[in-house]
Amino acid sequence: MGKTQRLTLTAMLVAIGTLSSHVFYIPMGFAKVFPIQHFINVLSAVLLGPYYAIAQAFSVSLLRNLMGTGSVFAFPGSMIGALLAGFLFIKTRRLVSAVAGEVLGTGILGAIASYPIATLFLGKEATLFGFIPAFIFSSLTGAVIGYVLLLVFLKNTGAARVLKINGMFNGKH
């Protein structure tokens, strides 16, 4: 996949992530449970790699915050999850690794990174263990949706051939 194609796909995923925030989210404590962002993180990590996945996650977080539909917790959560999903997928070439990277990166590391934001910058009394379940629930739901969609893509011989030609997939789930 060429650079123009990668940028175009990233822009499309940013648009989908930004616009779908109005449609499907679940408010939970200080954060909004937004599984679509995690679904998009898994897709971009597998299809585009970690650097484009981080750019996509940052862009969606920024646009959602500018529009007033997101929270500041979207930045550390989505970006760490996208990075870890991309790197684990590159190392193993397995879809399950991308899912695990998203859940671990967002659900645990992103929640830990969000704790200081809540306590220092927002002045909210927050507990670390309040963030972790919400982030894990959101990231696990979205990552599983992304996994299922990628499995459907791989059943399509054209999509599977493109992923294999680009060296993005080794045939294991």
Protein backbone atom coordinates (compact mmCIF):
# COMPACT_ATOMS: atom_id res chain seq x y z
CA MET A 1 0.00 0.00 0.00
CA GLY A 2 1.45 3.34 -1.05
CA LYS A 3 1.77 6.44 1.10
CA THR A 4 -1.17 8.18 -0.59
CA GLN A 5 -3.38 5.15 -0.02
CA ARG A 6 -2.33 4.98 3.63
CA LEU A 7 -3.05 8.67 4.15
CA THR A 8 -6.42 8.33 2.43
CA LEU A 9 -7.42 5.33 4.54
CA THR A 10 -6.26 7.14 7.69
CA ALA A 11 -8.37 10.17 6.75
CA MET A 12 -11.39 7.96 6.16
CA LEU A 13 -10.95 6.26 9.54
CA VAL A 14 -10.59 9.68 11.21
CA ALA A 15 -13.83 10.83 9.59
CA ILE A 16 -15.68 7.67 10.66
CA GLY A 17 -14.35 7.90 14.21
CA THR A 18 -15.16 11.58 14.54
CA LEU A 19 -18.66 11.37 13.12
CA SER A 20 -19.68 8.16 14.86
CA SER A 21 -19.02 9.60 18.32
CA HIS A 22 -22.45 11.22 18.22
CA VAL A 23 -24.12 7.93 17.44
CA PHE A 24 -22.74 5.38 19.88
CA TYR A 25 -21.21 6.04 23.28
CA ILE A 26 -21.99 5.01 26.82
CA PRO A 27 -21.35 7.56 29.61
CA MET A 28 -19.60 5.91 32.54
CA GLY A 29 -18.22 8.04 35.38
CA PHE A 30 -15.68 10.61 34.23
CA ALA A 31 -15.16 9.01 30.83
CA LYS A 32 -17.33 8.12 27.89
CA VAL A 33 -17.18 4.47 26.91
CA PHE A 34 -16.58 4.73 23.17
CA PRO A 35 -15.96 1.31 21.63
CA ILE A 36 -15.95 2.59 18.03
CA GLN A 37 -12.60 4.34 18.60
CA HIS A 38 -11.06 1.06 19.76
CA PHE A 39 -12.54 -0.77 16.79
CA ILE A 40 -10.94 1.81 14.50
CA ASN A 41 -7.64 1.55 16.41
CA VAL A 42 -7.47 -2.19 15.74
CA LEU A 43 -8.31 -1.68 12.07
CA SER A 44 -5.69 1.02 11.59
CA ALA A 45 -3.06 -0.91 13.56
CA VAL A 46 -3.50 -3.96 11.33
CA LEU A 47 -4.07 -2.23 8.00
CA LEU A 48 -1.74 0.76 8.38
CA GLY A 49 0.78 0.10 11.14
CA PRO A 50 1.48 1.77 14.48
CA TYR A 51 2.48 5.25 13.28
CA TYR A 52 -0.60 5.82 11.16
CA ALA A 53 -2.69 4.31 13.96
CA ILE A 54 -1.29 6.86 16.42
CA ALA A 55 -1.94 9.70 13.96
CA GLN A 56 -5.51 8.46 13.47
CA ALA A 57 -6.13 8.15 17.23
CA PHE A 58 -4.72 11.62 17.93
CA SER A 59 -6.74 13.20 15.11
CA VAL A 60 -10.02 11.63 16.21
CA SER A 61 -9.37 12.60 19.85
CA LEU A 62 -8.53 16.17 18.87
CA LEU A 63 -11.54 16.60 16.59
CA ARG A 64 -13.92 15.08 19.14
CA ASN A 65 -12.61 17.42 21.83
CA LEU A 66 -12.87 20.45 19.54
CA MET A 67 -16.46 19.49 18.72
CA GLY A 68 -17.28 18.95 22.40
CA THR A 69 -18.17 15.29 21.98
CA GLY A 70 -15.07 13.76 23.57
CA SER A 71 -13.10 13.96 26.77
CA VAL A 72 -9.45 14.66 27.43
CA PHE A 73 -9.09 11.03 28.48
CA ALA A 74 -9.38 10.07 24.81
CA PHE A 75 -5.82 11.21 24.11
CA PRO A 76 -3.78 8.92 26.36
CA GLY A 77 -6.16 5.98 26.08
CA SER A 78 -6.60 5.81 22.34
CA MET A 79 -3.04 6.72 21.42
CA ILE A 80 -1.35 4.23 23.77
CA GLY A 81 -3.76 1.52 22.66
CA ALA A 82 -3.18 2.21 18.96
CA LEU A 83 0.59 2.21 19.43
CA LEU A 84 0.66 -1.06 21.37
CA ALA A 85 -1.83 -2.74 19.01
CA GLY A 86 0.29 -1.77 16.01
CA PHE A 87 3.59 -2.86 17.52
CA LEU A 88 2.28 -6.18 18.80
CA PHE A 89 0.68 -6.90 15.45
CA ILE A 90 3.94 -6.12 13.61
CA LYS A 91 5.89 -8.39 15.96
CA THR A 92 3.55 -11.38 15.73
CA ARG A 93 1.46 -10.76 12.56
CA ARG A 94 -1.56 -12.10 14.47
CA LEU A 95 -4.92 -10.36 14.82
CA VAL A 96 -5.26 -11.51 18.42
CA SER A 97 -2.08 -9.60 19.26
CA ALA A 98 -3.58 -6.38 17.92
CA VAL A 99 -6.67 -6.95 20.05
CA ALA A 100 -4.55 -7.69 23.13
CA GLY A 101 -2.42 -4.61 22.46
CA GLU A 102 -5.49 -2.39 22.22
CA VAL A 103 -7.01 -3.76 25.43
CA LEU A 104 -3.74 -3.66 27.38
CA GLY A 105 -2.67 -0.30 25.95
CA THR A 106 -5.98 1.47 26.43
CA GLY A 107 -7.55 -0.55 29.23
CA ILE A 108 -4.60 -0.60 31.59
CA LEU A 109 -1.86 1.79 30.45
CA GLY A 110 -4.27 4.42 29.10
CA ALA A 111 -6.29 4.31 32.32
CA ILE A 112 -3.13 4.76 34.37
CA ALA A 113 -2.07 7.67 32.15
CA SER A 114 -5.52 9.28 32.53
CA TYR A 115 -5.43 9.25 36.31
CA PRO A 116 -3.03 12.23 36.65
CA ILE A 117 -5.08 14.20 34.12
CA ALA A 118 -8.19 13.77 36.24
CA THR A 119 -6.53 14.63 39.53
CA LEU A 120 -4.12 17.39 38.51
CA PHE A 121 -5.64 19.18 35.57
CA LEU A 122 -9.37 18.68 36.07
CA GLY A 123 -9.32 18.85 39.86
CA LYS A 124 -11.55 15.79 40.12
CA GLU A 125 -11.21 13.28 42.90
CA ALA A 126 -10.61 10.12 40.96
CA THR A 127 -9.59 6.62 41.81
CA LEU A 128 -7.29 4.71 39.54
CA PHE A 129 -9.42 1.60 39.83
CA GLY A 130 -12.42 3.61 38.65
CA PHE A 131 -10.79 4.23 35.30
CA ILE A 132 -9.47 0.75 34.60
CA PRO A 133 -12.82 -1.12 34.40
CA ALA A 134 -14.39 1.56 32.19
CA PHE A 135 -11.39 1.67 29.86
CA ILE A 136 -11.11 -2.13 29.70
CA PHE A 137 -14.83 -2.53 28.97
CA SER A 138 -14.70 0.04 26.18
CA SER A 139 -11.48 -1.21 24.61
CA LEU A 140 -12.42 -4.89 24.81
CA THR A 141 -15.79 -4.27 23.18
CA GLY A 142 -14.31 -2.22 20.34
CA ALA A 143 -11.31 -4.49 19.83
CA VAL A 144 -13.55 -7.55 19.49
CA ILE A 145 -15.68 -5.72 16.91
CA GLY A 146 -12.50 -4.88 14.99
CA TYR A 147 -11.28 -8.48 15.22
CA VAL A 148 -14.57 -9.82 13.85
CA LEU A 149 -14.58 -7.30 11.00
CA LEU A 150 -10.99 -8.16 10.08
CA LEU A 151 -11.89 -11.86 10.05
CA VAL A 152 -14.70 -11.04 7.61
CA PHE A 153 -12.21 -9.06 5.48
CA LEU A 154 -9.86 -12.03 5.43
CA LYS A 155 -12.61 -14.35 4.20
CA ASN A 156 -12.81 -12.10 1.14
CA THR A 157 -10.04 -13.37 -1.10
CA GLY A 158 -9.29 -9.92 -2.52
CA ALA A 159 -8.81 -8.29 0.87
CA ALA A 160 -6.83 -11.25 2.18
CA ARG A 161 -4.56 -11.15 -0.88
CA VAL A 162 -3.87 -7.43 -0.40
CA LEU A 163 -3.00 -7.95 3.28
CA LYS A 164 -0.73 -10.87 2.48
CA ILE A 165 0.97 -9.11 -0.44
CA ASN A 166 1.70 -6.09 1.75
CA GLY A 167 3.17 -8.40 4.37
CA MET A 168 0.57 -7.32 6.90
CA PHE A 169 -0.78 -10.77 7.67
CA ASN A 170 0.66 -14.27 7.94
CA GLY A 171 -2.58 -16.26 7.84
CA LYS A 172 -2.90 -16.83 11.60
CA HIS A 173 -5.60 -15.24 13.68
